[in-house]
Amino acid sequence: MSGHRLSTQDFLTVVRLAPLVSLDLVVTNPRGEVLVGLRTNRPAEGYWFVPGGRIQKDERLDAAFRRLTGEELGHPIGLADASPLGVYEHLYEDNFAGEPGVSTHYVVIAHRVSLDLHLGALPGAQHARWKWMHPDELRADPTVHPNTRAYFPG
């Protein structure tokens, strides 16, 4: 069964009242570098962040993973081709709509995927630019969001 999209107002109500469940894609290439994109939307706007996104209501995990890898990477792949990294919490003071006083709480299921992607072919809906970063560089760069740096403890 595919997922259901909510209206902006309904989604803001969910963000106000409940945690969101999402998948993050920690994509590594054969050189050991990690794919990050410069976020164009809230929360985490203006930071380098791994690709990912929310799981929709009634969307099975494998279907969500295929949809998100297709939307974010241009290559739909299944969960069987990924390695789970664990469950993380991402807490933000703001929200997608910029509504004052509404924080965002994500429960994130992170997975590692090995792909050698060409940056110029990646979709740009959520990210202004893409780049590959070595984990040491990523950990030291303050423009990489702390929630992304958390996937690479020193």
C-alpha atoms as a PDB file:
ATOM      1  CA  MET A   1       0.000   0.000   0.000  1.00  0.00           C
ATOM      2  CA  SER A   2       1.365   3.436  -0.866  1.00  0.00           C
ATOM      3  CA  GLY A   3       1.420   6.300   1.599  1.00  0.00           C
ATOM      4  CA  HIS A   4      -0.919   9.230   2.011  1.00  0.00           C
ATOM      5  CA  ARG A   5       0.149  12.854   1.751  1.00  0.00           C
ATOM      6  CA  LEU A   6      -1.361  15.361   4.172  1.00  0.00           C
ATOM      7  CA  SER A   7      -2.459  18.923   3.536  1.00  0.00           C
ATOM      8  CA  THR A   8      -0.067  21.581   4.849  1.00  0.00           C
ATOM      9  CA  GLN A   9      -2.399  22.413   7.756  1.00  0.00           C
ATOM     10  CA  ASP A  10      -2.915  18.762   8.700  1.00  0.00           C
ATOM     11  CA  PHE A  11       0.822  18.136   8.550  1.00  0.00           C
ATOM     12  CA  LEU A  12       1.519  21.170  10.765  1.00  0.00           C
ATOM     13  CA  THR A  13      -0.963  19.724  13.292  1.00  0.00           C
ATOM     14  CA  VAL A  14       0.919  16.413  13.254  1.00  0.00           C
ATOM     15  CA  VAL A  15       4.269  18.193  13.697  1.00  0.00           C
ATOM     16  CA  ARG A  16       2.805  20.143  16.623  1.00  0.00           C
ATOM     17  CA  LEU A  17       1.378  17.038  18.361  1.00  0.00           C
ATOM     18  CA  ALA A  18       3.492  14.000  17.475  1.00  0.00           C
ATOM     19  CA  PRO A  19       6.955  12.799  16.495  1.00  0.00           C
ATOM     20  CA  LEU A  20       7.598  12.046  12.832  1.00  0.00           C
ATOM     21  CA  VAL A  21       9.201   8.809  11.656  1.00  0.00           C
ATOM     22  CA  SER A  22      11.788   9.131   8.917  1.00  0.00           C
ATOM     23  CA  LEU A  23      14.583   7.347   7.100  1.00  0.00           C
ATOM     24  CA  ASP A  24      18.048   8.822   6.644  1.00  0.00           C
ATOM     25  CA  LEU A  25      20.304   7.568   3.870  1.00  0.00           C
ATOM     26  CA  VAL A  26      23.993   7.499   4.741  1.00  0.00           C
ATOM     27  CA  VAL A  27      25.369   7.024   1.234  1.00  0.00           C
ATOM     28  CA  THR A  28      29.031   6.109   0.879  1.00  0.00           C
ATOM     29  CA  ASN A  29      31.071   5.755  -2.301  1.00  0.00           C
ATOM     30  CA  PRO A  30      34.001   3.389  -3.021  1.00  0.00           C
ATOM     31  CA  ARG A  31      36.455   6.062  -1.777  1.00  0.00           C
ATOM     32  CA  GLY A  32      34.803   6.069   1.680  1.00  0.00           C
ATOM     33  CA  GLU A  33      33.235   9.495   1.201  1.00  0.00           C
ATOM     34  CA  VAL A  34      29.721  10.395   2.368  1.00  0.00           C
ATOM     35  CA  LEU A  35      27.056  12.119   0.276  1.00  0.00           C
ATOM     36  CA  VAL A  36      25.635  15.323   1.758  1.00  0.00           C
ATOM     37  CA  GLY A  37      23.299  17.925   0.310  1.00  0.00           C
ATOM     38  CA  LEU A  38      22.858  21.589   1.198  1.00  0.00           C
ATOM     39  CA  ARG A  39      19.317  21.750   2.605  1.00  0.00           C
ATOM     40  CA  THR A  40      16.914  24.265   1.082  1.00  0.00           C
ATOM     41  CA  ASN A  41      14.050  23.822   3.540  1.00  0.00           C
ATOM     42  CA  ARG A  42      13.292  23.757   7.242  1.00  0.00           C
ATOM     43  CA  PRO A  43      14.275  22.311   9.557  1.00  0.00           C
ATOM     44  CA  ALA A  44      18.041  22.208   9.028  1.00  0.00           C
ATOM     45  CA  GLU A  45      17.845  24.740   6.181  1.00  0.00           C
ATOM     46  CA  GLY A  46      21.288  25.930   5.121  1.00  0.00           C
ATOM     47  CA  TYR A  47      23.170  22.950   6.544  1.00  0.00           C
ATOM     48  CA  TRP A  48      24.827  20.013   4.793  1.00  0.00           C
ATOM     49  CA  PHE A  49      22.754  16.929   5.595  1.00  0.00           C
ATOM     50  CA  VAL A  50      22.463  13.329   4.447  1.00  0.00           C
ATOM     51  CA  PRO A  51      19.457  12.627   2.204  1.00  0.00           C
ATOM     52  CA  GLY A  52      16.291  11.122   3.638  1.00  0.00           C
ATOM     53  CA  GLY A  53      12.678  11.834   4.388  1.00  0.00           C
ATOM     54  CA  ARG A  54       9.493  10.994   6.225  1.00  0.00           C
ATOM     55  CA  ILE A  55       7.613   7.736   6.123  1.00  0.00           C
ATOM     56  CA  GLN A  56       4.019   8.351   5.070  1.00  0.00           C
ATOM     57  CA  LYS A  57       0.924   6.943   6.749  1.00  0.00           C
ATOM     58  CA  ASP A  58       0.225   3.357   5.548  1.00  0.00           C
ATOM     59  CA  GLU A  59       3.572   3.219   3.728  1.00  0.00           C
ATOM     60  CA  ARG A  60       5.578   0.073   4.433  1.00  0.00           C
ATOM     61  CA  LEU A  61       9.247   0.558   5.302  1.00  0.00           C
ATOM     62  CA  ASP A  62      10.543  -1.034   2.102  1.00  0.00           C
ATOM     63  CA  ALA A  63       8.149   1.069  -0.011  1.00  0.00           C
ATOM     64  CA  ALA A  64       9.237   4.226   1.834  1.00  0.00           C
ATOM     65  CA  PHE A  65      12.891   3.309   1.337  1.00  0.00           C
ATOM     66  CA  ARG A  66      12.349   2.742  -2.396  1.00  0.00           C
ATOM     67  CA  ARG A  67      10.421   6.008  -2.742  1.00  0.00           C
ATOM     68  CA  LEU A  68      12.988   8.044  -0.816  1.00  0.00           C
ATOM     69  CA  THR A  69      16.024   6.593  -2.587  1.00  0.00           C
ATOM     70  CA  GLY A  70      14.256   7.301  -5.873  1.00  0.00           C
ATOM     71  CA  GLU A  71      13.308  10.866  -4.934  1.00  0.00           C
ATOM     72  CA  GLU A  72      16.535  11.793  -3.165  1.00  0.00           C
ATOM     73  CA  LEU A  73      19.117   9.802  -5.158  1.00  0.00           C
ATOM     74  CA  GLY A  74      17.416   9.070  -8.471  1.00  0.00           C
ATOM     75  CA  HIS A  75      17.976   5.336  -7.820  1.00  0.00           C
ATOM     76  CA  PRO A  76      15.133   3.469  -6.104  1.00  0.00           C
ATOM     77  CA  ILE A  77      16.575   0.615  -4.060  1.00  0.00           C
ATOM     78  CA  GLY A  78      15.127  -1.670  -1.416  1.00  0.00           C
ATOM     79  CA  LEU A  79      15.977  -2.101   2.241  1.00  0.00           C
ATOM     80  CA  ALA A  80      17.664  -5.419   1.462  1.00  0.00           C
ATOM     81  CA  ASP A  81      20.430  -3.416  -0.268  1.00  0.00           C
ATOM     82  CA  ALA A  82      21.110  -1.282   2.824  1.00  0.00           C
ATOM     83  CA  SER A  83      22.680  -1.816   6.252  1.00  0.00           C
ATOM     84  CA  PRO A  84      20.848  -0.471   9.306  1.00  0.00           C
ATOM     85  CA  LEU A  85      22.831   2.022  11.403  1.00  0.00           C
ATOM     86  CA  GLY A  86      20.329   2.436  14.214  1.00  0.00           C
ATOM     87  CA  VAL A  87      17.551   4.664  15.484  1.00  0.00           C
ATOM     88  CA  TYR A  88      18.251   8.327  16.236  1.00  0.00           C
ATOM     89  CA  GLU A  89      16.263  11.308  17.498  1.00  0.00           C
ATOM     90  CA  HIS A  90      16.406  14.670  15.743  1.00  0.00           C
ATOM     91  CA  LEU A  91      14.936  17.594  17.668  1.00  0.00           C
ATOM     92  CA  TYR A  92      14.513  21.021  16.094  1.00  0.00           C
ATOM     93  CA  GLU A  93      13.252  24.283  17.554  1.00  0.00           C
ATOM     94  CA  ASP A  94      11.553  25.163  14.245  1.00  0.00           C
ATOM     95  CA  ASN A  95       9.350  23.424  11.670  1.00  0.00           C
ATOM     96  CA  PHE A  96       8.814  23.119   7.925  1.00  0.00           C
ATOM     97  CA  ALA A  97       6.332  26.020   7.851  1.00  0.00           C
ATOM     98  CA  GLY A  98       8.243  28.446  10.077  1.00  0.00           C
ATOM     99  CA  GLU A  99       5.257  28.500  12.457  1.00  0.00           C
ATOM    100  CA  PRO A 100       6.359  30.182  15.718  1.00  0.00           C
ATOM    101  CA  GLY A 101       6.373  28.002  18.821  1.00  0.00           C
ATOM    102  CA  VAL A 102       6.170  24.683  16.953  1.00  0.00           C
ATOM    103  CA  SER A 103       9.169  22.379  17.283  1.00  0.00           C
ATOM    104  CA  THR A 104       9.856  19.270  15.191  1.00  0.00           C
ATOM    105  CA  HIS A 105      10.701  15.846  16.612  1.00  0.00           C
ATOM    106  CA  TYR A 106      11.907  13.081  14.302  1.00  0.00           C
ATOM    107  CA  VAL A 107      12.531   9.447  15.149  1.00  0.00           C
ATOM    108  CA  VAL A 108      15.021   8.511  12.438  1.00  0.00           C
ATOM    109  CA  ILE A 109      15.864   5.037  11.204  1.00  0.00           C
ATOM    110  CA  ALA A 110      19.260   5.440   9.557  1.00  0.00           C
ATOM    111  CA  HIS A 111      20.658   3.105   6.888  1.00  0.00           C
ATOM    112  CA  ARG A 112      23.990   2.950   5.076  1.00  0.00           C
ATOM    113  CA  VAL A 113      23.963   2.468   1.314  1.00  0.00           C
ATOM    114  CA  SER A 114      27.023   2.059  -0.929  1.00  0.00           C
ATOM    115  CA  LEU A 115      26.597   3.817  -4.286  1.00  0.00           C
ATOM    116  CA  ASP A 116      28.941   5.692  -6.598  1.00  0.00           C
ATOM    117  CA  LEU A 117      26.632   8.469  -7.748  1.00  0.00           C
ATOM    118  CA  HIS A 118      27.402  11.316 -10.145  1.00  0.00           C
ATOM    119  CA  LEU A 119      26.590  14.545  -8.287  1.00  0.00           C
ATOM    120  CA  GLY A 120      25.275  16.309 -11.387  1.00  0.00           C
ATOM    121  CA  ALA A 121      22.593  13.659 -11.875  1.00  0.00           C
ATOM    122  CA  LEU A 122      21.133  13.929  -8.353  1.00  0.00           C
ATOM    123  CA  PRO A 123      17.665  15.454  -7.861  1.00  0.00           C
ATOM    124  CA  GLY A 124      17.520  18.963  -6.431  1.00  0.00           C
ATOM    125  CA  ALA A 125      14.105  19.193  -4.765  1.00  0.00           C
ATOM    126  CA  GLN A 126      15.454  19.286  -1.192  1.00  0.00           C
ATOM    127  CA  HIS A 127      19.083  20.300  -1.717  1.00  0.00           C
ATOM    128  CA  ALA A 128      20.708  23.239  -3.510  1.00  0.00           C
ATOM    129  CA  ARG A 129      23.958  21.329  -4.108  1.00  0.00           C
ATOM    130  CA  TRP A 130      25.526  17.984  -3.361  1.00  0.00           C
ATOM    131  CA  LYS A 131      29.058  16.992  -2.422  1.00  0.00           C
ATOM    132  CA  TRP A 132      31.077  14.032  -1.196  1.00  0.00           C
ATOM    133  CA  MET A 133      32.898  14.464   2.125  1.00  0.00           C
ATOM    134  CA  HIS A 134      35.333  12.238   3.959  1.00  0.00           C
ATOM    135  CA  PRO A 135      34.003  11.386   7.476  1.00  0.00           C
ATOM    136  CA  ASP A 136      36.914  13.252   9.158  1.00  0.00           C
ATOM    137  CA  GLU A 137      36.126  16.374   7.117  1.00  0.00           C
ATOM    138  CA  LEU A 138      32.409  16.005   7.805  1.00  0.00           C
ATOM    139  CA  ARG A 139      32.930  15.735  11.596  1.00  0.00           C
ATOM    140  CA  ALA A 140      35.060  18.906  11.647  1.00  0.00           C
ATOM    141  CA  ASP A 141      32.828  21.087   9.436  1.00  0.00           C
ATOM    142  CA  PRO A 142      30.356  23.300  11.373  1.00  0.00           C
ATOM    143  CA  THR A 143      28.215  23.697   8.226  1.00  0.00           C
ATOM    144  CA  VAL A 144      27.412  19.969   8.413  1.00  0.00           C
ATOM    145  CA  HIS A 145      24.375  19.601  10.670  1.00  0.00           C
ATOM    146  CA  PRO A 146      25.081  17.993  14.069  1.00  0.00           C
ATOM    147  CA  ASN A 147      22.445  15.331  13.321  1.00  0.00           C
ATOM    148  CA  THR A 148      24.456  14.251  10.288  1.00  0.00           C
ATOM    149  CA  ARG A 149      27.761  14.400  12.184  1.00  0.00           C
ATOM    150  CA  ALA A 150      26.212  12.071  14.793  1.00  0.00           C
ATOM    151  CA  TYR A 151      26.285   9.231  12.254  1.00  0.00           C
ATOM    152  CA  PHE A 152      30.117   9.419  12.359  1.00  0.00           C
ATOM    153  CA  PRO A 153      31.262   9.453  15.975  1.00  0.00           C
ATOM    154  CA  GLY A 154      34.978  10.173  16.274  1.00  0.00           C
END
